[in-house]
Amino acid sequence: MLVYETLESWVSPVTLELHAWHLNTTETLKTFDQIKHKRVIVISGYNYGGLMS
């Protein structure tokens, strides 16, 4: 419906990183499909972008 109203840019204004941590007793996450229909804890906020090191 909005195909003629949308302008797609080649510029990426933001870099987004997703990290998934797990306990040693659980399987390492290979794809996000593995957490579909599972309970997860989402932690978000600001970071220093490596400036502290």
Protein backbone atom coordinates (compact mmCIF):
# COMPACT_ATOMS: atom_id res chain seq x y z
CA MET A 1 0.00 0.00 0.00
CA LEU A 2 2.88 2.39 0.75
CA VAL A 3 5.13 1.19 -2.08
CA TYR A 4 4.89 4.53 -3.91
CA GLU A 5 5.23 6.56 -0.71
CA THR A 6 8.44 4.91 0.57
CA LEU A 7 11.98 6.01 -0.19
CA GLU A 8 14.67 3.47 0.66
CA SER A 9 18.16 4.80 1.33
CA TRP A 10 21.51 3.09 0.97
CA VAL A 11 22.66 4.93 4.11
CA SER A 12 22.46 3.02 7.38
CA PRO A 13 21.94 5.65 10.12
CA VAL A 14 22.43 3.24 13.02
CA THR A 15 24.47 0.17 13.79
CA LEU A 16 22.57 -2.46 15.71
CA GLU A 17 24.17 -5.39 17.51
CA LEU A 18 22.21 -8.23 19.05
CA HIS A 19 23.85 -10.49 21.60
CA ALA A 20 22.46 -13.64 23.17
CA TRP A 21 23.97 -15.02 26.36
CA HIS A 22 23.21 -18.44 27.78
CA LEU A 23 23.99 -20.60 30.77
CA ASN A 24 26.65 -23.28 30.45
CA THR A 25 23.89 -25.84 30.87
CA THR A 26 21.94 -24.68 27.80
CA GLU A 27 22.60 -25.01 24.09
CA THR A 28 24.41 -22.19 22.29
CA LEU A 29 22.05 -20.09 20.19
CA LYS A 30 22.75 -20.46 16.47
CA THR A 31 19.63 -18.72 15.06
CA PHE A 32 16.92 -16.58 16.59
CA ASP A 33 14.37 -19.18 15.51
CA GLN A 34 15.62 -21.28 18.44
CA ILE A 35 14.02 -18.85 20.91
CA LYS A 36 10.67 -18.69 19.14
CA HIS A 37 7.86 -19.30 21.64
CA LYS A 38 10.34 -19.29 24.56
CA ARG A 39 10.64 -16.92 27.50
CA VAL A 40 13.61 -14.55 27.24
CA ILE A 41 14.93 -11.62 29.26
CA VAL A 42 15.53 -8.49 27.22
CA ILE A 43 18.10 -6.02 28.56
CA SER A 44 18.44 -2.73 26.73
CA GLY A 45 20.15 0.56 27.34
CA TYR A 46 23.11 2.66 26.46
CA ASN A 47 26.67 1.48 26.21
CA TYR A 48 30.02 3.16 25.78
CA GLY A 49 30.69 1.73 22.34
CA GLY A 50 34.11 0.46 23.42
CA LEU A 51 35.27 3.89 24.60
CA MET A 52 36.10 2.62 28.09
CA SER A 53 38.77 0.31 26.70
